[in-house]
């Protein structure tokens, strides 16, 4: 089982924000209240509401006691055999639900548009084999973004997060990825979902209103 859920972010007025917060578990409410910037708070709220929807659809209680923490501090479900991960960027929040550990990352397609910056970033985050692959692809910024989202989805799957050096993560072998482009030509997004066991045969993607 591998399910991906996508929902637009609703940028809320203060009174709407409080109403939405009331639907979230206390740990998510506390996290949201530490976030600076109305838009960033709205994205975090959207991710929390998305998780709520995901769990209720699977008939898993959305309650504080349903959650715990893994060794790296990654939130997890106490229910055996169910794993989740969340991400948000721009106008979208995404969530992945699986029967094996899973990580997900969403990024805007125009994130890597400065050529000089891309070259420096590639040296910092790509393995030697990945750099050669990227060079053969003409230093395409969209391929660099694909590497980035794959690596971030991997470190979110393992729970290591951004403490993991990206140049040590090989995205060409030994992992399974699904990539989903979103949106219009003008304003697109890329989502990468990572698992270490193949779940491509029963992959489901759901777009919510």
C-alpha atoms as a PDB file:
ATOM      1  CA  UNK A   1       0.000   0.000   0.000  1.00  0.00           C
ATOM      2  CA  UNK A   2       1.238   3.460  -0.906  1.00  0.00           C
ATOM      3  CA  UNK A   3      -1.178   6.401  -0.951  1.00  0.00           C
ATOM      4  CA  UNK A   4      -0.330   9.996  -1.769  1.00  0.00           C
ATOM      5  CA  UNK A   5      -2.724  12.784  -0.782  1.00  0.00           C
ATOM      6  CA  UNK A   6      -2.513  16.338  -2.133  1.00  0.00           C
ATOM      7  CA  UNK A   7      -4.491  19.382  -1.017  1.00  0.00           C
ATOM      8  CA  UNK A   8      -4.246  23.108  -1.766  1.00  0.00           C
ATOM      9  CA  UNK A   9      -3.188  25.384   1.073  1.00  0.00           C
ATOM     10  CA  UNK A  10      -5.862  27.814   2.218  1.00  0.00           C
ATOM     11  CA  UNK A  11      -4.189  31.028   3.377  1.00  0.00           C
ATOM     12  CA  UNK A  12      -6.410  31.933   6.304  1.00  0.00           C
ATOM     13  CA  UNK A  13      -7.491  34.985   8.226  1.00  0.00           C
ATOM     14  CA  UNK A  14      -6.776  34.916  11.997  1.00  0.00           C
ATOM     15  CA  UNK A  15     -10.293  33.782  12.957  1.00  0.00           C
ATOM     16  CA  UNK A  16     -10.214  31.024  10.310  1.00  0.00           C
ATOM     17  CA  UNK A  17      -6.802  29.952  11.522  1.00  0.00           C
ATOM     18  CA  UNK A  18      -8.080  29.446  15.064  1.00  0.00           C
ATOM     19  CA  UNK A  19     -11.023  27.392  13.802  1.00  0.00           C
ATOM     20  CA  UNK A  20      -8.684  25.142  11.827  1.00  0.00           C
ATOM     21  CA  UNK A  21      -6.275  24.821  14.753  1.00  0.00           C
ATOM     22  CA  UNK A  22      -9.113  23.510  16.910  1.00  0.00           C
ATOM     23  CA  UNK A  23      -9.345  20.474  14.613  1.00  0.00           C
ATOM     24  CA  UNK A  24      -5.696  19.516  15.132  1.00  0.00           C
ATOM     25  CA  UNK A  25      -4.026  17.535  17.897  1.00  0.00           C
ATOM     26  CA  UNK A  26      -2.269  19.606  20.548  1.00  0.00           C
ATOM     27  CA  UNK A  27       1.266  18.760  19.369  1.00  0.00           C
ATOM     28  CA  UNK A  28       0.460  20.123  15.882  1.00  0.00           C
ATOM     29  CA  UNK A  29      -1.198  23.222  17.348  1.00  0.00           C
ATOM     30  CA  UNK A  30       1.916  23.907  19.427  1.00  0.00           C
ATOM     31  CA  UNK A  31       4.123  23.493  16.370  1.00  0.00           C
ATOM     32  CA  UNK A  32       1.997  25.873  14.297  1.00  0.00           C
ATOM     33  CA  UNK A  33       2.095  28.552  16.988  1.00  0.00           C
ATOM     34  CA  UNK A  34       5.914  28.596  16.892  1.00  0.00           C
ATOM     35  CA  UNK A  35       5.977  29.267  13.149  1.00  0.00           C
ATOM     36  CA  UNK A  36       6.612  32.828  11.997  1.00  0.00           C
ATOM     37  CA  UNK A  37       4.693  34.171   9.033  1.00  0.00           C
ATOM     38  CA  UNK A  38       1.009  33.758   8.221  1.00  0.00           C
ATOM     39  CA  UNK A  39       1.626  31.810   5.014  1.00  0.00           C
ATOM     40  CA  UNK A  40       4.007  29.367   6.688  1.00  0.00           C
ATOM     41  CA  UNK A  41       1.479  28.770   9.469  1.00  0.00           C
ATOM     42  CA  UNK A  42      -1.233  28.161   6.887  1.00  0.00           C
ATOM     43  CA  UNK A  43       0.938  25.541   5.182  1.00  0.00           C
ATOM     44  CA  UNK A  44       1.561  23.743   8.475  1.00  0.00           C
ATOM     45  CA  UNK A  45      -2.159  23.830   9.296  1.00  0.00           C
ATOM     46  CA  UNK A  46      -2.971  22.433   5.846  1.00  0.00           C
ATOM     47  CA  UNK A  47      -0.533  19.568   6.417  1.00  0.00           C
ATOM     48  CA  UNK A  48      -2.112  18.837   9.796  1.00  0.00           C
ATOM     49  CA  UNK A  49      -5.628  18.844   8.337  1.00  0.00           C
ATOM     50  CA  UNK A  50      -4.438  16.603   5.532  1.00  0.00           C
ATOM     51  CA  UNK A  51      -3.029  14.092   8.016  1.00  0.00           C
ATOM     52  CA  UNK A  52      -6.315  14.167   9.883  1.00  0.00           C
ATOM     53  CA  UNK A  53      -8.163  13.340   6.661  1.00  0.00           C
ATOM     54  CA  UNK A  54      -5.709  10.576   5.755  1.00  0.00           C
ATOM     55  CA  UNK A  55      -6.062   8.812   9.095  1.00  0.00           C
ATOM     56  CA  UNK A  56      -9.821   9.139   9.350  1.00  0.00           C
ATOM     57  CA  UNK A  57     -10.157   7.724   5.833  1.00  0.00           C
ATOM     58  CA  UNK A  58      -8.157   4.693   7.013  1.00  0.00           C
ATOM     59  CA  UNK A  59     -10.286   4.499  10.192  1.00  0.00           C
ATOM     60  CA  UNK A  60      -7.282   5.349  12.366  1.00  0.00           C
ATOM     61  CA  UNK A  61      -8.090   7.676  15.279  1.00  0.00           C
ATOM     62  CA  UNK A  62      -6.700  11.172  14.829  1.00  0.00           C
ATOM     63  CA  UNK A  63      -5.762  11.720  18.464  1.00  0.00           C
ATOM     64  CA  UNK A  64      -2.643  12.630  20.419  1.00  0.00           C
ATOM     65  CA  UNK A  65      -2.373   9.109  21.809  1.00  0.00           C
ATOM     66  CA  UNK A  66      -2.141   7.700  18.261  1.00  0.00           C
ATOM     67  CA  UNK A  67       1.318   9.240  17.781  1.00  0.00           C
ATOM     68  CA  UNK A  68       4.808   8.594  19.067  1.00  0.00           C
ATOM     69  CA  UNK A  69       8.383   9.485  18.108  1.00  0.00           C
ATOM     70  CA  UNK A  70      11.082   7.430  16.413  1.00  0.00           C
ATOM     71  CA  UNK A  71      14.765   7.509  17.342  1.00  0.00           C
ATOM     72  CA  UNK A  72      15.552  10.613  15.274  1.00  0.00           C
ATOM     73  CA  UNK A  73      12.474  12.408  16.579  1.00  0.00           C
ATOM     74  CA  UNK A  74      10.386  11.634  13.493  1.00  0.00           C
ATOM     75  CA  UNK A  75       6.660  11.457  14.307  1.00  0.00           C
ATOM     76  CA  UNK A  76       5.171   8.010  13.831  1.00  0.00           C
ATOM     77  CA  UNK A  77       1.908   6.189  14.306  1.00  0.00           C
ATOM     78  CA  UNK A  78       1.737   3.713  17.162  1.00  0.00           C
ATOM     79  CA  UNK A  79      -0.452   1.472  14.998  1.00  0.00           C
ATOM     80  CA  UNK A  80       1.732  -1.326  13.612  1.00  0.00           C
ATOM     81  CA  UNK A  81       2.225  -1.469   9.872  1.00  0.00           C
ATOM     82  CA  UNK A  82       1.130   2.083   9.039  1.00  0.00           C
ATOM     83  CA  UNK A  83       3.610   4.878   8.274  1.00  0.00           C
ATOM     84  CA  UNK A  84       3.117   8.485   7.176  1.00  0.00           C
ATOM     85  CA  UNK A  85       5.028  11.558   6.123  1.00  0.00           C
ATOM     86  CA  UNK A  86       4.087  15.155   5.271  1.00  0.00           C
ATOM     87  CA  UNK A  87       5.514  18.004   3.214  1.00  0.00           C
ATOM     88  CA  UNK A  88       4.395  21.401   1.971  1.00  0.00           C
ATOM     89  CA  UNK A  89       5.618  24.115  -0.378  1.00  0.00           C
ATOM     90  CA  UNK A  90       4.010  27.072  -2.061  1.00  0.00           C
ATOM     91  CA  UNK A  91       0.305  26.424  -2.470  1.00  0.00           C
ATOM     92  CA  UNK A  92       0.229  22.685  -1.714  1.00  0.00           C
ATOM     93  CA  UNK A  93       0.463  20.277   1.200  1.00  0.00           C
ATOM     94  CA  UNK A  94       1.113  16.595   0.523  1.00  0.00           C
ATOM     95  CA  UNK A  95       1.006  13.479   2.650  1.00  0.00           C
ATOM     96  CA  UNK A  96       2.068   9.875   2.088  1.00  0.00           C
ATOM     97  CA  UNK A  97       0.627   6.822   3.843  1.00  0.00           C
ATOM     98  CA  UNK A  98       2.188   3.383   3.490  1.00  0.00           C
ATOM     99  CA  UNK A  99       2.608  -0.053   5.054  1.00  0.00           C
ATOM    100  CA  UNK A 100       6.405   0.470   4.973  1.00  0.00           C
ATOM    101  CA  UNK A 101       8.475   3.500   6.073  1.00  0.00           C
ATOM    102  CA  UNK A 102       7.914   6.373   3.666  1.00  0.00           C
ATOM    103  CA  UNK A 103       9.156   9.897   2.996  1.00  0.00           C
ATOM    104  CA  UNK A 104       7.725  12.621   0.769  1.00  0.00           C
ATOM    105  CA  UNK A 105       8.905  16.014  -0.462  1.00  0.00           C
ATOM    106  CA  UNK A 106       7.189  18.634  -2.611  1.00  0.00           C
ATOM    107  CA  UNK A 107       9.042  21.525  -4.259  1.00  0.00           C
ATOM    108  CA  UNK A 108       8.228  24.233  -6.766  1.00  0.00           C
ATOM    109  CA  UNK A 109       9.688  23.518 -10.199  1.00  0.00           C
ATOM    110  CA  UNK A 110      11.331  26.958 -10.423  1.00  0.00           C
ATOM    111  CA  UNK A 111      13.369  26.489  -7.238  1.00  0.00           C
ATOM    112  CA  UNK A 112      16.679  25.921  -9.058  1.00  0.00           C
ATOM    113  CA  UNK A 113      16.804  28.575 -11.770  1.00  0.00           C
ATOM    114  CA  UNK A 114      20.219  30.182 -11.114  1.00  0.00           C
ATOM    115  CA  UNK A 115      22.848  28.317 -13.132  1.00  0.00           C
ATOM    116  CA  UNK A 116      25.875  29.351 -11.031  1.00  0.00           C
ATOM    117  CA  UNK A 117      24.084  28.406  -7.812  1.00  0.00           C
ATOM    118  CA  UNK A 118      23.059  25.076  -9.326  1.00  0.00           C
ATOM    119  CA  UNK A 119      26.664  24.145 -10.075  1.00  0.00           C
ATOM    120  CA  UNK A 120      27.689  24.819  -6.472  1.00  0.00           C
ATOM    121  CA  UNK A 121      24.667  22.943  -5.156  1.00  0.00           C
ATOM    122  CA  UNK A 122      25.336  19.950  -7.401  1.00  0.00           C
ATOM    123  CA  UNK A 123      28.892  19.643  -6.056  1.00  0.00           C
ATOM    124  CA  UNK A 124      27.501  19.708  -2.516  1.00  0.00           C
ATOM    125  CA  UNK A 125      24.560  17.304  -2.789  1.00  0.00           C
ATOM    126  CA  UNK A 126      25.244  14.840  -5.637  1.00  0.00           C
ATOM    127  CA  UNK A 127      27.299  11.662  -5.560  1.00  0.00           C
ATOM    128  CA  UNK A 128      29.935  11.256  -8.260  1.00  0.00           C
ATOM    129  CA  UNK A 129      27.648   8.976 -10.280  1.00  0.00           C
ATOM    130  CA  UNK A 130      24.791  11.457  -9.956  1.00  0.00           C
ATOM    131  CA  UNK A 131      27.005  14.357 -11.079  1.00  0.00           C
ATOM    132  CA  UNK A 132      27.991  12.371 -14.176  1.00  0.00           C
ATOM    133  CA  UNK A 133      24.327  11.587 -14.860  1.00  0.00           C
ATOM    134  CA  UNK A 134      23.374  15.241 -14.420  1.00  0.00           C
ATOM    135  CA  UNK A 135      26.201  16.353 -16.736  1.00  0.00           C
ATOM    136  CA  UNK A 136      24.956  13.942 -19.421  1.00  0.00           C
ATOM    137  CA  UNK A 137      21.495  15.498 -18.962  1.00  0.00           C
ATOM    138  CA  UNK A 138      22.912  18.918 -19.858  1.00  0.00           C
ATOM    139  CA  UNK A 139      22.939  20.256 -16.277  1.00  0.00           C
ATOM    140  CA  UNK A 140      19.155  20.437 -16.494  1.00  0.00           C
ATOM    141  CA  UNK A 141      17.811  22.359 -13.441  1.00  0.00           C
ATOM    142  CA  UNK A 142      14.678  20.185 -13.393  1.00  0.00           C
ATOM    143  CA  UNK A 143      16.823  17.059 -13.078  1.00  0.00           C
ATOM    144  CA  UNK A 144      18.720  18.696 -10.218  1.00  0.00           C
ATOM    145  CA  UNK A 145      15.374  19.365  -8.550  1.00  0.00           C
ATOM    146  CA  UNK A 146      14.456  15.706  -9.034  1.00  0.00           C
ATOM    147  CA  UNK A 147      17.661  14.669  -7.267  1.00  0.00           C
ATOM    148  CA  UNK A 148      16.892  17.118  -4.443  1.00  0.00           C
ATOM    149  CA  UNK A 149      13.344  15.920  -3.865  1.00  0.00           C
ATOM    150  CA  UNK A 150      14.450  12.288  -4.001  1.00  0.00           C
ATOM    151  CA  UNK A 151      17.165  12.903  -1.427  1.00  0.00           C
ATOM    152  CA  UNK A 152      14.891  14.884   0.868  1.00  0.00           C
ATOM    153  CA  UNK A 153      12.173  12.229   0.646  1.00  0.00           C
ATOM    154  CA  UNK A 154      14.817   9.606   1.528  1.00  0.00           C
ATOM    155  CA  UNK A 155      16.122  11.393   4.630  1.00  0.00           C
ATOM    156  CA  UNK A 156      12.524  11.976   5.728  1.00  0.00           C
ATOM    157  CA  UNK A 157      11.819   8.271   5.280  1.00  0.00           C
ATOM    158  CA  UNK A 158      14.776   7.319   7.499  1.00  0.00           C
ATOM    159  CA  UNK A 159      14.029  10.106   9.978  1.00  0.00           C
ATOM    160  CA  UNK A 160      17.534  11.581   9.661  1.00  0.00           C
ATOM    161  CA  UNK A 161      16.220  14.747   8.050  1.00  0.00           C
ATOM    162  CA  UNK A 162      18.538  17.550   6.959  1.00  0.00           C
ATOM    163  CA  UNK A 163      21.265  16.333   9.351  1.00  0.00           C
ATOM    164  CA  UNK A 164      22.097  13.710   6.713  1.00  0.00           C
ATOM    165  CA  UNK A 165      24.721  14.812   4.180  1.00  0.00           C
ATOM    166  CA  UNK A 166      22.939  14.694   0.818  1.00  0.00           C
ATOM    167  CA  UNK A 167      26.110  13.730  -1.095  1.00  0.00           C
ATOM    168  CA  UNK A 168      26.106  10.418   0.801  1.00  0.00           C
ATOM    169  CA  UNK A 169      22.592   9.528  -0.392  1.00  0.00           C
ATOM    170  CA  UNK A 170      22.614   7.522  -3.630  1.00  0.00           C
ATOM    171  CA  UNK A 171      19.278   8.001  -5.403  1.00  0.00           C
ATOM    172  CA  UNK A 172      20.213   5.906  -8.454  1.00  0.00           C
ATOM    173  CA  UNK A 173      20.165   2.500  -6.780  1.00  0.00           C
ATOM    174  CA  UNK A 174      18.472   0.524  -4.020  1.00  0.00           C
ATOM    175  CA  UNK A 175      15.410   2.696  -3.385  1.00  0.00           C
ATOM    176  CA  UNK A 176      12.005   3.138  -4.946  1.00  0.00           C
ATOM    177  CA  UNK A 177      10.686   6.526  -5.970  1.00  0.00           C
ATOM    178  CA  UNK A 178       7.489   7.882  -7.424  1.00  0.00           C
ATOM    179  CA  UNK A 179       7.510  11.354  -8.955  1.00  0.00           C
ATOM    180  CA  UNK A 180       4.362  13.345  -9.598  1.00  0.00           C
ATOM    181  CA  UNK A 181       4.349  16.702 -11.461  1.00  0.00           C
ATOM    182  CA  UNK A 182       1.650  19.118 -10.344  1.00  0.00           C
ATOM    183  CA  UNK A 183      -0.030  22.202 -11.653  1.00  0.00           C
ATOM    184  CA  UNK A 184       0.185  24.271 -14.826  1.00  0.00           C
ATOM    185  CA  UNK A 185       3.122  24.967 -17.102  1.00  0.00           C
ATOM    186  CA  UNK A 186       3.506  28.384 -15.486  1.00  0.00           C
ATOM    187  CA  UNK A 187       3.515  27.267 -11.873  1.00  0.00           C
ATOM    188  CA  UNK A 188       4.310  23.579 -11.410  1.00  0.00           C
ATOM    189  CA  UNK A 189       5.433  21.422  -8.527  1.00  0.00           C
ATOM    190  CA  UNK A 190       7.300  18.146  -8.235  1.00  0.00           C
ATOM    191  CA  UNK A 191       6.601  15.527  -5.585  1.00  0.00           C
ATOM    192  CA  UNK A 192       8.944  12.651  -4.773  1.00  0.00           C
ATOM    193  CA  UNK A 193       7.877   9.715  -2.601  1.00  0.00           C
ATOM    194  CA  UNK A 194      10.514   7.293  -1.309  1.00  0.00           C
ATOM    195  CA  UNK A 195      10.256   3.749   0.065  1.00  0.00           C
ATOM    196  CA  UNK A 196      12.904   1.037   0.362  1.00  0.00           C
ATOM    197  CA  UNK A 197      10.447  -1.671  -0.661  1.00  0.00           C
ATOM    198  CA  UNK A 198       8.623  -1.492  -3.964  1.00  0.00           C
ATOM    199  CA  UNK A 199       5.019  -0.317  -3.632  1.00  0.00           C
ATOM    200  CA  UNK A 200       4.588   0.975  -7.184  1.00  0.00           C
ATOM    201  CA  UNK A 201       2.083  -1.756  -8.069  1.00  0.00           C
ATOM    202  CA  UNK A 202      -0.515  -0.495  -5.571  1.00  0.00           C
ATOM    203  CA  UNK A 203       0.238   3.225  -5.659  1.00  0.00           C
ATOM    204  CA  UNK A 204      -2.766   5.572  -5.340  1.00  0.00           C
ATOM    205  CA  UNK A 205      -2.742   9.375  -5.719  1.00  0.00           C
ATOM    206  CA  UNK A 206      -5.647  11.458  -4.390  1.00  0.00           C
ATOM    207  CA  UNK A 207      -6.181  15.161  -4.987  1.00  0.00           C
ATOM    208  CA  UNK A 208      -8.418  16.810  -2.388  1.00  0.00           C
ATOM    209  CA  UNK A 209     -10.353  20.055  -2.731  1.00  0.00           C
END
